[in-house]
Amino acid sequence: EGRQAFWDAVLWSKSLQSVPYSVIVSPDGQQIMTSTSSRVYL
């Protein structure tokens, strides 16, 4: 009992208000940066 069927590949997901122009992971891996033409989200 308790075994998973698959690995947990997706830790979390976000629905953004517009198409992201870029996705960048910080050097220490603690942040993810996404951007549009007018905003940057951390």
PDB file of all heavy atoms in Angstrom:
ATOM      1  N   GLU A   1       0.829  -1.193   0.000  1.00  0.00           N
ATOM      2  CA  GLU A   1       0.000   0.000   0.000  1.00  0.00           C
ATOM      3  C   GLU A   1       0.874   1.259   0.000  1.00  0.00           C
ATOM      4  O   GLU A   1       1.980   1.250   0.551  1.00  0.00           O
ATOM      5  CB  GLU A   1      -0.907   0.042   1.237  1.00  0.00           C
ATOM      6  CG  GLU A   1      -1.960  -1.047   1.285  1.00  0.00           C
ATOM      7  CD  GLU A   1      -2.864  -0.912   2.494  1.00  0.00           C
ATOM      8  OE1 GLU A   1      -2.773   0.126   3.181  1.00  0.00           O
ATOM      9  OE2 GLU A   1      -3.649  -1.841   2.764  1.00  0.00           O
ATOM     10  N   GLY A   2       0.352   2.314  -0.619  1.00  0.00           N
ATOM     11  CA  GLY A   2       1.018   3.616  -0.546  1.00  0.00           C
ATOM     12  C   GLY A   2       1.984   3.930  -1.668  1.00  0.00           C
ATOM     13  O   GLY A   2       2.493   5.053  -1.745  1.00  0.00           O
ATOM     14  N   ARG A   3       2.246   2.957  -2.557  1.00  0.00           N
ATOM     15  CA  ARG A   3       3.177   3.233  -3.649  1.00  0.00           C
ATOM     16  C   ARG A   3       2.513   4.086  -4.722  1.00  0.00           C
ATOM     17  O   ARG A   3       1.330   3.939  -5.017  1.00  0.00           O
ATOM     18  CB  ARG A   3       3.680   1.932  -4.283  1.00  0.00           C
ATOM     19  CG  ARG A   3       4.732   1.223  -3.459  1.00  0.00           C
ATOM     20  CD  ARG A   3       5.152  -0.064  -4.137  1.00  0.00           C
ATOM     21  NE  ARG A   3       5.814   0.187  -5.406  1.00  0.00           N
ATOM     22  CZ  ARG A   3       6.073  -0.770  -6.294  1.00  0.00           C
ATOM     23  NH1 ARG A   3       5.697  -2.014  -6.057  1.00  0.00           N
ATOM     24  NH2 ARG A   3       6.687  -0.472  -7.426  1.00  0.00           N
ATOM     25  N   GLN A   4       3.275   4.979  -5.308  1.00  0.00           N
ATOM     26  CA  GLN A   4       2.772   5.801  -6.394  1.00  0.00           C
ATOM     27  C   GLN A   4       2.803   5.016  -7.699  1.00  0.00           C
ATOM     28  O   GLN A   4       3.565   4.060  -7.851  1.00  0.00           O
ATOM     29  CB  GLN A   4       3.630   7.060  -6.557  1.00  0.00           C
ATOM     30  CG  GLN A   4       3.610   7.999  -5.370  1.00  0.00           C
ATOM     31  CD  GLN A   4       4.601   9.121  -5.563  1.00  0.00           C
ATOM     32  OE1 GLN A   4       5.755   9.011  -5.158  1.00  0.00           O
ATOM     33  NE2 GLN A   4       4.157  10.207  -6.194  1.00  0.00           N
ATOM     34  N   ALA A   5       2.001   5.462  -8.665  1.00  0.00           N
ATOM     35  CA  ALA A   5       2.034   4.836  -9.983  1.00  0.00           C
ATOM     36  C   ALA A   5       3.132   5.455 -10.833  1.00  0.00           C
ATOM     37  O   ALA A   5       3.829   4.764 -11.583  1.00  0.00           O
ATOM     38  CB  ALA A   5       0.686   4.997 -10.679  1.00  0.00           C
ATOM     39  N   PHE A   6       3.341   6.785 -10.694  1.00  0.00           N
ATOM     40  CA  PHE A   6       4.365   7.494 -11.464  1.00  0.00           C
ATOM     41  C   PHE A   6       5.110   8.456 -10.536  1.00  0.00           C
ATOM     42  O   PHE A   6       4.643   8.781  -9.445  1.00  0.00           O
ATOM     43  CB  PHE A   6       3.731   8.299 -12.612  1.00  0.00           C
ATOM     44  CG  PHE A   6       3.007   7.468 -13.633  1.00  0.00           C
ATOM     45  CD1 PHE A   6       1.635   7.312 -13.565  1.00  0.00           C
ATOM     46  CD2 PHE A   6       3.710   6.837 -14.648  1.00  0.00           C
ATOM     47  CE1 PHE A   6       0.959   6.548 -14.512  1.00  0.00           C
ATOM     48  CE2 PHE A   6       3.046   6.070 -15.597  1.00  0.00           C
ATOM     49  CZ  PHE A   6       1.673   5.922 -15.529  1.00  0.00           C
ATOM     50  N   TRP A   7       6.257   8.912 -10.992  1.00  0.00           N
ATOM     51  CA  TRP A   7       6.983   9.948 -10.269  1.00  0.00           C
ATOM     52  C   TRP A   7       6.176  11.243 -10.320  1.00  0.00           C
ATOM     53  O   TRP A   7       5.471  11.511 -11.289  1.00  0.00           O
ATOM     54  CB  TRP A   7       8.356  10.206 -10.905  1.00  0.00           C
ATOM     55  CG  TRP A   7       9.316   9.063 -10.837  1.00  0.00           C
ATOM     56  CD1 TRP A   7       9.717   8.271 -11.857  1.00  0.00           C
ATOM     57  CD2 TRP A   7      10.002   8.585  -9.679  1.00  0.00           C
ATOM     58  NE1 TRP A   7      10.610   7.323 -11.418  1.00  0.00           N
ATOM     59  CE2 TRP A   7      10.808   7.494 -10.086  1.00  0.00           C
ATOM     60  CE3 TRP A   7      10.009   8.965  -8.334  1.00  0.00           C
ATOM     61  CZ2 TRP A   7      11.604   6.785  -9.203  1.00  0.00           C
ATOM     62  CZ3 TRP A   7      10.813   8.258  -7.448  1.00  0.00           C
ATOM     63  CH2 TRP A   7      11.603   7.180  -7.883  1.00  0.00           C
ATOM     64  N   ASP A   8       6.302  12.062  -9.279  1.00  0.00           N
ATOM     65  CA  ASP A   8       5.653  13.370  -9.283  1.00  0.00           C
ATOM     66  C   ASP A   8       6.486  14.329 -10.134  1.00  0.00           C
ATOM     67  O   ASP A   8       7.390  14.997  -9.641  1.00  0.00           O
ATOM     68  CB  ASP A   8       5.526  13.935  -7.855  1.00  0.00           C
ATOM     69  CG  ASP A   8       4.456  13.193  -7.067  1.00  0.00           C
ATOM     70  OD1 ASP A   8       3.530  12.677  -7.703  1.00  0.00           O
ATOM     71  OD2 ASP A   8       4.568  13.139  -5.830  1.00  0.00           O
ATOM     72  N   ALA A   9       6.190  14.386 -11.412  1.00  0.00           N
ATOM     73  CA  ALA A   9       6.980  15.215 -12.322  1.00  0.00           C
ATOM     74  C   ALA A   9       6.637  16.696 -12.191  1.00  0.00           C
ATOM     75  O   ALA A   9       7.488  17.565 -12.315  1.00  0.00           O
ATOM     76  CB  ALA A   9       6.757  14.767 -13.764  1.00  0.00           C
ATOM     77  N   VAL A  10       5.373  16.998 -11.926  1.00  0.00           N
ATOM     78  CA  VAL A  10       4.938  18.387 -11.824  1.00  0.00           C
ATOM     79  C   VAL A  10       4.787  18.769 -10.356  1.00  0.00           C
ATOM     80  O   VAL A  10       3.958  18.220  -9.642  1.00  0.00           O
ATOM     81  CB  VAL A  10       3.593  18.603 -12.554  1.00  0.00           C
ATOM     82  CG1 VAL A  10       3.150  20.053 -12.408  1.00  0.00           C
ATOM     83  CG2 VAL A  10       3.717  18.213 -14.020  1.00  0.00           C
ATOM     84  N   LEU A  11       5.609  19.719  -9.899  1.00  0.00           N
ATOM     85  CA  LEU A  11       5.534  20.176  -8.513  1.00  0.00           C
ATOM     86  C   LEU A  11       4.421  21.209  -8.344  1.00  0.00           C
ATOM     87  O   LEU A  11       3.726  21.222  -7.340  1.00  0.00           O
ATOM     88  CB  LEU A  11       6.874  20.776  -8.098  1.00  0.00           C
ATOM     89  CG  LEU A  11       8.079  19.821  -8.114  1.00  0.00           C
ATOM     90  CD1 LEU A  11       9.336  20.566  -7.679  1.00  0.00           C
ATOM     91  CD2 LEU A  11       7.822  18.637  -7.193  1.00  0.00           C
ATOM     92  N   TRP A  12       4.277  22.091  -9.336  1.00  0.00           N
ATOM     93  CA  TRP A  12       3.216  23.087  -9.329  1.00  0.00           C
ATOM     94  C   TRP A  12       3.088  23.685 -10.724  1.00  0.00           C
ATOM     95  O   TRP A  12       3.969  23.532 -11.558  1.00  0.00           O
ATOM     96  CB  TRP A  12       3.467  24.190  -8.300  1.00  0.00           C
ATOM     97  CG  TRP A  12       4.798  24.879  -8.390  1.00  0.00           C
ATOM     98  CD1 TRP A  12       5.927  24.557  -7.702  1.00  0.00           C
ATOM     99  CD2 TRP A  12       5.138  26.018  -9.202  1.00  0.00           C
ATOM    100  NE1 TRP A  12       6.953  25.403  -8.028  1.00  0.00           N
ATOM    101  CE2 TRP A  12       6.499  26.314  -8.937  1.00  0.00           C
ATOM    102  CE3 TRP A  12       4.441  26.813 -10.102  1.00  0.00           C
ATOM    103  CZ2 TRP A  12       7.157  27.370  -9.571  1.00  0.00           C
ATOM    104  CZ3 TRP A  12       5.099  27.862 -10.730  1.00  0.00           C
ATOM    105  CH2 TRP A  12       6.435  28.134 -10.454  1.00  0.00           C
ATOM    106  N   SER A  13       1.974  24.343 -10.966  1.00  0.00           N
ATOM    107  CA  SER A  13       1.769  24.985 -12.259  1.00  0.00           C
ATOM    108  C   SER A  13       1.012  26.285 -12.046  1.00  0.00           C
ATOM    109  O   SER A  13       0.326  26.464 -11.031  1.00  0.00           O
ATOM    110  CB  SER A  13       0.996  24.069 -13.214  1.00  0.00           C
ATOM    111  OG  SER A  13      -0.298  23.795 -12.699  1.00  0.00           O
ATOM    112  N   LYS A  14       1.150  27.199 -13.004  1.00  0.00           N
ATOM    113  CA  LYS A  14       0.495  28.500 -12.912  1.00  0.00           C
ATOM    114  C   LYS A  14      -0.208  28.820 -14.229  1.00  0.00           C
ATOM    115  O   LYS A  14       0.300  28.513 -15.304  1.00  0.00           O
ATOM    116  CB  LYS A  14       1.526  29.598 -12.624  1.00  0.00           C
ATOM    117  CG  LYS A  14       2.121  29.563 -11.235  1.00  0.00           C
ATOM    118  CD  LYS A  14       1.118  29.994 -10.183  1.00  0.00           C
ATOM    119  CE  LYS A  14       1.719  29.945  -8.794  1.00  0.00           C
ATOM    120  NZ  LYS A  14       0.747  30.333  -7.763  1.00  0.00           N
ATOM    121  N   SER A  15      -1.362  29.440 -14.126  1.00  0.00           N
ATOM    122  CA  SER A  15      -2.070  29.946 -15.297  1.00  0.00           C
ATOM    123  C   SER A  15      -1.808  31.450 -15.359  1.00  0.00           C
ATOM    124  O   SER A  15      -2.262  32.202 -14.482  1.00  0.00           O
ATOM    125  CB  SER A  15      -3.577  29.668 -15.191  1.00  0.00           C
ATOM    126  OG  SER A  15      -3.824  28.280 -15.201  1.00  0.00           O
ATOM    127  N   LEU A  16      -1.069  31.881 -16.367  1.00  0.00           N
ATOM    128  CA  LEU A  16      -0.705  33.285 -16.493  1.00  0.00           C
ATOM    129  C   LEU A  16      -1.742  34.034 -17.318  1.00  0.00           C
ATOM    130  O   LEU A  16      -2.473  33.454 -18.120  1.00  0.00           O
ATOM    131  CB  LEU A  16       0.669  33.404 -17.154  1.00  0.00           C
ATOM    132  CG  LEU A  16       1.798  32.627 -16.469  1.00  0.00           C
ATOM    133  CD1 LEU A  16       3.099  32.793 -17.234  1.00  0.00           C
ATOM    134  CD2 LEU A  16       1.980  33.099 -15.026  1.00  0.00           C
ATOM    135  N   GLN A  17      -1.797  35.344 -17.127  1.00  0.00           N
ATOM    136  CA  GLN A  17      -2.778  36.168 -17.830  1.00  0.00           C
ATOM    137  C   GLN A  17      -2.397  36.420 -19.281  1.00  0.00           C
ATOM    138  O   GLN A  17      -3.246  36.795 -20.090  1.00  0.00           O
ATOM    139  CB  GLN A  17      -2.962  37.499 -17.093  1.00  0.00           C
ATOM    140  CG  GLN A  17      -3.548  37.342 -15.698  1.00  0.00           C
ATOM    141  CD  GLN A  17      -3.738  38.673 -14.996  1.00  0.00           C
ATOM    142  OE1 GLN A  17      -3.253  39.700 -15.455  1.00  0.00           O
ATOM    143  NE2 GLN A  17      -4.444  38.653 -13.881  1.00  0.00           N
ATOM    144  N   SER A  18      -1.132  36.236 -19.608  1.00  0.00           N
ATOM    145  CA  SER A  18      -0.681  36.413 -20.984  1.00  0.00           C
ATOM    146  C   SER A  18       0.463  35.447 -21.270  1.00  0.00           C
ATOM    147  O   SER A  18       1.039  34.851 -20.358  1.00  0.00           O
ATOM    148  CB  SER A  18      -0.225  37.860 -21.227  1.00  0.00           C
ATOM    149  OG  SER A  18       0.822  38.207 -20.331  1.00  0.00           O
ATOM    150  N   VAL A  19       0.807  35.304 -22.538  1.00  0.00           N
ATOM    151  CA  VAL A  19       1.851  34.365 -22.948  1.00  0.00           C
ATOM    152  C   VAL A  19       3.210  34.822 -22.414  1.00  0.00           C
ATOM    153  O   VAL A  19       3.601  35.975 -22.626  1.00  0.00           O
ATOM    154  CB  VAL A  19       1.914  34.258 -24.482  1.00  0.00           C
ATOM    155  CG1 VAL A  19       3.048  33.335 -24.908  1.00  0.00           C
ATOM    156  CG2 VAL A  19       0.584  33.749 -25.031  1.00  0.00           C
ATOM    157  N   PRO A  20       3.951  33.960 -21.718  1.00  0.00           N
ATOM    158  CA  PRO A  20       5.272  34.354 -21.217  1.00  0.00           C
ATOM    159  C   PRO A  20       6.295  34.454 -22.342  1.00  0.00           C
ATOM    160  O   PRO A  20       6.351  33.595 -23.210  1.00  0.00           O
ATOM    161  CB  PRO A  20       5.627  33.226 -20.233  1.00  0.00           C
ATOM    162  CG  PRO A  20       4.872  32.042 -20.750  1.00  0.00           C
ATOM    163  CD  PRO A  20       3.594  32.590 -21.304  1.00  0.00           C
ATOM    164  N   TYR A  21       7.079  35.529 -22.335  1.00  0.00           N
ATOM    165  CA  TYR A  21       8.134  35.708 -23.321  1.00  0.00           C
ATOM    166  C   TYR A  21       9.373  34.899 -22.966  1.00  0.00           C
ATOM    167  O   TYR A  21      10.130  34.490 -23.836  1.00  0.00           O
ATOM    168  CB  TYR A  21       8.513  37.188 -23.435  1.00  0.00           C
ATOM    169  CG  TYR A  21       7.548  38.036 -24.221  1.00  0.00           C
ATOM    170  CD1 TYR A  21       6.276  37.559 -24.564  1.00  0.00           C
ATOM    171  CD2 TYR A  21       7.880  39.318 -24.626  1.00  0.00           C
ATOM    172  CE1 TYR A  21       5.381  38.335 -25.276  1.00  0.00           C
ATOM    173  CE2 TYR A  21       6.987  40.107 -25.347  1.00  0.00           C
ATOM    174  CZ  TYR A  21       5.737  39.608 -25.674  1.00  0.00           C
ATOM    175  OH  TYR A  21       4.864  40.376 -26.385  1.00  0.00           O
ATOM    176  N   SER A  22       9.566  34.693 -21.667  1.00  0.00           N
ATOM    177  CA  SER A  22      10.742  33.955 -21.218  1.00  0.00           C
ATOM    178  C   SER A  22      10.496  33.328 -19.856  1.00  0.00           C
ATOM    179  O   SER A  22       9.641  33.784 -19.101  1.00  0.00           O
ATOM    180  CB  SER A  22      11.976  34.873 -21.141  1.00  0.00           C
ATOM    181  OG  SER A  22      11.753  35.924 -20.212  1.00  0.00           O
ATOM    182  N   VAL A  23      11.246  32.275 -19.557  1.00  0.00           N
ATOM    183  CA  VAL A  23      11.217  31.613 -18.252  1.00  0.00           C
ATOM    184  C   VAL A  23      12.670  31.369 -17.854  1.00  0.00           C
ATOM    185  O   VAL A  23      13.417  30.703 -18.575  1.00  0.00           O
ATOM    186  CB  VAL A  23      10.461  30.272 -18.304  1.00  0.00           C
ATOM    187  CG1 VAL A  23      10.507  29.589 -16.940  1.00  0.00           C
ATOM    188  CG2 VAL A  23       9.021  30.469 -18.746  1.00  0.00           C
ATOM    189  N   ILE A  24      13.075  31.923 -16.719  1.00  0.00           N
ATOM    190  CA  ILE A  24      14.468  31.836 -16.285  1.00  0.00           C
ATOM    191  C   ILE A  24      14.528  31.365 -14.837  1.00  0.00           C
ATOM    192  O   ILE A  24      13.814  31.892 -13.985  1.00  0.00           O
ATOM    193  CB  ILE A  24      15.177  33.203 -16.402  1.00  0.00           C
ATOM    194  CG1 ILE A  24      15.080  33.728 -17.843  1.00  0.00           C
ATOM    195  CG2 ILE A  24      16.640  33.085 -15.978  1.00  0.00           C
ATOM    196  CD1 ILE A  24      15.624  35.134 -18.006  1.00  0.00           C
ATOM    197  N   VAL A  25      15.380  30.396 -14.565  1.00  0.00           N
ATOM    198  CA  VAL A  25      15.593  29.897 -13.202  1.00  0.00           C
ATOM    199  C   VAL A  25      16.797  30.621 -12.599  1.00  0.00           C
ATOM    200  O   VAL A  25      17.814  30.800 -13.272  1.00  0.00           O
ATOM    201  CB  VAL A  25      15.837  28.377 -13.204  1.00  0.00           C
ATOM    202  CG1 VAL A  25      16.070  27.873 -11.781  1.00  0.00           C
ATOM    203  CG2 VAL A  25      14.657  27.645 -13.843  1.00  0.00           C
ATOM    204  N   SER A  26      16.681  31.054 -11.362  1.00  0.00           N
ATOM    205  CA  SER A  26      17.774  31.763 -10.699  1.00  0.00           C
ATOM    206  C   SER A  26      18.974  30.846 -10.517  1.00  0.00           C
ATOM    207  O   SER A  26      18.829  29.620 -10.489  1.00  0.00           O
ATOM    208  CB  SER A  26      17.314  32.293  -9.332  1.00  0.00           C
ATOM    209  OG  SER A  26      16.981  31.219  -8.464  1.00  0.00           O
ATOM    210  N   PRO A  27      20.184  31.406 -10.390  1.00  0.00           N
ATOM    211  CA  PRO A  27      21.386  30.586 -10.242  1.00  0.00           C
ATOM    212  C   PRO A  27      21.343  29.594  -9.083  1.00  0.00           C
ATOM    213  O   PRO A  27      21.899  28.502  -9.178  1.00  0.00           O
ATOM    214  CB  PRO A  27      22.493  31.635 -10.019  1.00  0.00           C
ATOM    215  CG  PRO A  27      22.006  32.833 -10.760  1.00  0.00           C
ATOM    216  CD  PRO A  27      20.520  32.842 -10.509  1.00  0.00           C
ATOM    217  N   ASP A  28      20.672  29.962  -7.976  1.00  0.00           N
ATOM    218  CA  ASP A  28      20.589  29.048  -6.835  1.00  0.00           C
ATOM    219  C   ASP A  28      19.379  28.122  -6.912  1.00  0.00           C
ATOM    220  O   ASP A  28      19.171  27.297  -6.022  1.00  0.00           O
ATOM    221  CB  ASP A  28      20.579  29.816  -5.514  1.00  0.00           C
ATOM    222  CG  ASP A  28      19.360  30.726  -5.371  1.00  0.00           C
ATOM    223  OD1 ASP A  28      18.483  30.721  -6.273  1.00  0.00           O
ATOM    224  OD2 ASP A  28      19.279  31.443  -4.367  1.00  0.00           O
ATOM    225  N   GLY A  29      18.572  28.274  -7.951  1.00  0.00           N
ATOM    226  CA  GLY A  29      17.424  27.401  -8.136  1.00  0.00           C
ATOM    227  C   GLY A  29      16.233  27.713  -7.250  1.00  0.00           C
ATOM    228  O   GLY A  29      15.242  26.995  -7.271  1.00  0.00           O
ATOM    229  N   GLN A  30      16.281  28.815  -6.494  1.00  0.00           N
ATOM    230  CA  GLN A  30      15.217  29.131  -5.543  1.00  0.00           C
ATOM    231  C   GLN A  30      14.082  29.940  -6.155  1.00  0.00           C
ATOM    232  O   GLN A  30      12.997  30.008  -5.600  1.00  0.00           O
ATOM    233  CB  GLN A  30      15.793  29.895  -4.350  1.00  0.00           C
ATOM    234  CG  GLN A  30      16.820  29.112  -3.541  1.00  0.00           C
ATOM    235  CD  GLN A  30      16.234  27.834  -2.978  1.00  0.00           C
ATOM    236  OE1 GLN A  30      15.220  27.844  -2.288  1.00  0.00           O
ATOM    237  NE2 GLN A  30      16.870  26.705  -3.261  1.00  0.00           N
ATOM    238  N   GLN A  31      14.343  30.574  -7.295  1.00  0.00           N
ATOM    239  CA  GLN A  31      13.335  31.412  -7.930  1.00  0.00           C
ATOM    240  C   GLN A  31      13.149  31.026  -9.394  1.00  0.00           C
ATOM    241  O   GLN A  31      14.061  30.481 -10.030  1.00  0.00           O
ATOM    242  CB  GLN A  31      13.725  32.891  -7.884  1.00  0.00           C
ATOM    243  CG  GLN A  31      13.624  33.553  -6.531  1.00  0.00           C
ATOM    244  CD  GLN A  31      13.883  35.051  -6.632  1.00  0.00           C
ATOM    245  OE1 GLN A  31      14.193  35.589  -7.687  1.00  0.00           O
ATOM    246  NE2 GLN A  31      13.753  35.729  -5.502  1.00  0.00           N
ATOM    247  N   ILE A  32      11.965  31.347  -9.905  1.00  0.00           N
ATOM    248  CA  ILE A  32      11.691  31.236 -11.331  1.00  0.00           C
ATOM    249  C   ILE A  32      11.139  32.574 -11.783  1.00  0.00           C
ATOM    250  O   ILE A  32      10.256  33.149 -11.130  1.00  0.00           O
ATOM    251  CB  ILE A  32      10.692  30.112 -11.645  1.00  0.00           C
ATOM    252  CG1 ILE A  32      11.320  28.753 -11.324  1.00  0.00           C
ATOM    253  CG2 ILE A  32      10.261  30.156 -13.109  1.00  0.00           C
ATOM    254  CD1 ILE A  32      10.398  27.582 -11.542  1.00  0.00           C
ATOM    255  N   MET A  33      11.692  33.086 -12.864  1.00  0.00           N
ATOM    256  CA  MET A  33      11.288  34.396 -13.371  1.00  0.00           C
ATOM    257  C   MET A  33      10.594  34.225 -14.726  1.00  0.00           C
ATOM    258  O   MET A  33      11.135  33.585 -15.626  1.00  0.00           O
ATOM    259  CB  MET A  33      12.530  35.281 -13.499  1.00  0.00           C
ATOM    260  CG  MET A  33      12.281  36.662 -14.039  1.00  0.00           C
ATOM    261  SD  MET A  33      13.718  37.765 -13.757  1.00  0.00           S
ATOM    262  CE  MET A  33      15.049  36.858 -14.586  1.00  0.00           C
ATOM    263  N   THR A  34       9.380  34.751 -14.848  1.00  0.00           N
ATOM    264  CA  THR A  34       8.672  34.740 -16.122  1.00  0.00           C
ATOM    265  C   THR A  34       8.398  36.180 -16.524  1.00  0.00           C
ATOM    266  O   THR A  34       8.299  37.068 -15.677  1.00  0.00           O
ATOM    267  CB  THR A  34       7.339  33.971 -16.036  1.00  0.00           C
ATOM    268  OG1 THR A  34       6.472  34.619 -15.090  1.00  0.00           O
ATOM    269  CG2 THR A  34       7.564  32.530 -15.598  1.00  0.00           C
ATOM    270  N   SER A  35       8.272  36.419 -17.828  1.00  0.00           N
ATOM    271  CA  SER A  35       8.090  37.791 -18.272  1.00  0.00           C
ATOM    272  C   SER A  35       7.080  37.903 -19.395  1.00  0.00           C
ATOM    273  O   SER A  35       6.857  36.964 -20.166  1.00  0.00           O
ATOM    274  CB  SER A  35       9.430  38.363 -18.752  1.00  0.00           C
ATOM    275  OG  SER A  35       9.834  37.732 -19.958  1.00  0.00           O
ATOM    276  N   THR A  36       6.457  39.088 -19.470  1.00  0.00           N
ATOM    277  CA  THR A  36       5.620  39.481 -20.590  1.00  0.00           C
ATOM    278  C   THR A  36       6.263  40.739 -21.170  1.00  0.00           C
ATOM    279  O   THR A  36       7.370  41.104 -20.779  1.00  0.00           O
ATOM    280  CB  THR A  36       4.177  39.767 -20.131  1.00  0.00           C
ATOM    281  OG1 THR A  36       4.178  40.929 -19.284  1.00  0.00           O
ATOM    282  CG2 THR A  36       3.615  38.590 -19.350  1.00  0.00           C
ATOM    283  N   SER A  37       5.575  41.424 -22.057  1.00  0.00           N
ATOM    284  CA  SER A  37       6.144  42.629 -22.651  1.00  0.00           C
ATOM    285  C   SER A  37       6.186  43.798 -21.671  1.00  0.00           C
ATOM    286  O   SER A  37       6.879  44.790 -21.913  1.00  0.00           O
ATOM    287  CB  SER A  37       5.347  43.042 -23.889  1.00  0.00           C
ATOM    288  OG  SER A  37       3.998  43.325 -23.533  1.00  0.00           O
ATOM    289  N   SER A  38       5.466  43.690 -20.558  1.00  0.00           N
ATOM    290  CA  SER A  38       5.403  44.817 -19.631  1.00  0.00           C
ATOM    291  C   SER A  38       5.603  44.448 -18.159  1.00  0.00           C
ATOM    292  O   SER A  38       5.665  45.337 -17.309  1.00  0.00           O
ATOM    293  CB  SER A  38       4.053  45.538 -19.760  1.00  0.00           C
ATOM    294  OG  SER A  38       2.986  44.643 -19.469  1.00  0.00           O
ATOM    295  N   ARG A  39       5.716  43.160 -17.868  1.00  0.00           N
ATOM    296  CA  ARG A  39       5.874  42.758 -16.467  1.00  0.00           C
ATOM    297  C   ARG A  39       6.800  41.557 -16.328  1.00  0.00           C
ATOM    298  O   ARG A  39       6.892  40.720 -17.222  1.00  0.00           O
ATOM    299  CB  ARG A  39       4.523  42.413 -15.842  1.00  0.00           C
ATOM    300  CG  ARG A  39       3.736  43.609 -15.361  1.00  0.00           C
ATOM    301  CD  ARG A  39       2.514  43.186 -14.569  1.00  0.00           C
ATOM    302  NE  ARG A  39       1.925  44.305 -13.840  1.00  0.00           N
ATOM    303  CZ  ARG A  39       0.909  44.209 -13.013  1.00  0.00           C
ATOM    304  NH1 ARG A  39       0.322  43.033 -12.807  1.00  0.00           N
ATOM    305  NH2 ARG A  39       0.438  45.261 -12.379  1.00  0.00           N
ATOM    306  N   VAL A  40       7.439  41.511 -15.156  1.00  0.00           N
ATOM    307  CA  VAL A  40       8.275  40.362 -14.795  1.00  0.00           C
ATOM    308  C   VAL A  40       7.725  39.801 -13.496  1.00  0.00           C
ATOM    309  O   VAL A  40       7.524  40.542 -12.522  1.00  0.00           O
ATOM    310  CB  VAL A  40       9.752  40.771 -14.596  1.00  0.00           C
ATOM    311  CG1 VAL A  40      10.576  39.569 -14.145  1.00  0.00           C
ATOM    312  CG2 VAL A  40      10.317  41.348 -15.885  1.00  0.00           C
ATOM    313  N   TYR A  41       7.466  38.500 -13.473  1.00  0.00           N
ATOM    314  CA  TYR A  41       6.922  37.844 -12.279  1.00  0.00           C
ATOM    315  C   TYR A  41       7.990  36.948 -11.666  1.00  0.00           C
ATOM    316  O   TYR A  41       8.677  36.206 -12.383  1.00  0.00           O
ATOM    317  CB  TYR A  41       5.702  36.988 -12.631  1.00  0.00           C
ATOM    318  CG  TYR A  41       4.534  37.770 -13.183  1.00  0.00           C
ATOM    319  CD1 TYR A  41       4.444  38.064 -14.537  1.00  0.00           C
ATOM    320  CD2 TYR A  41       3.503  38.191 -12.337  1.00  0.00           C
ATOM    321  CE1 TYR A  41       3.367  38.773 -15.044  1.00  0.00           C
ATOM    322  CE2 TYR A  41       2.425  38.902 -12.840  1.00  0.00           C
ATOM    323  CZ  TYR A  41       2.359  39.191 -14.203  1.00  0.00           C
ATOM    324  OH  TYR A  41       1.291  39.897 -14.709  1.00  0.00           O
ATOM    325  N   LEU A  42       8.120  37.006 -10.354  1.00  0.00           N
ATOM    326  CA  LEU A  42       9.059  36.152  -9.633  1.00  0.00           C
ATOM    327  C   LEU A  42       8.272  35.155  -8.796  1.00  0.00           C
ATOM    328  O   LEU A  42       7.343  35.527  -8.077  1.00  0.00           O
ATOM    329  CB  LEU A  42       9.969  36.989  -8.733  1.00  0.00           C
ATOM    330  CG  LEU A  42      10.858  38.023  -9.426  1.00  0.00           C
ATOM    331  CD1 LEU A  42      11.676  38.785  -8.410  1.00  0.00           C
ATOM    332  CD2 LEU A  42      11.758  37.362 -10.443  1.00  0.00           C
TER     333      LEU A  42
END
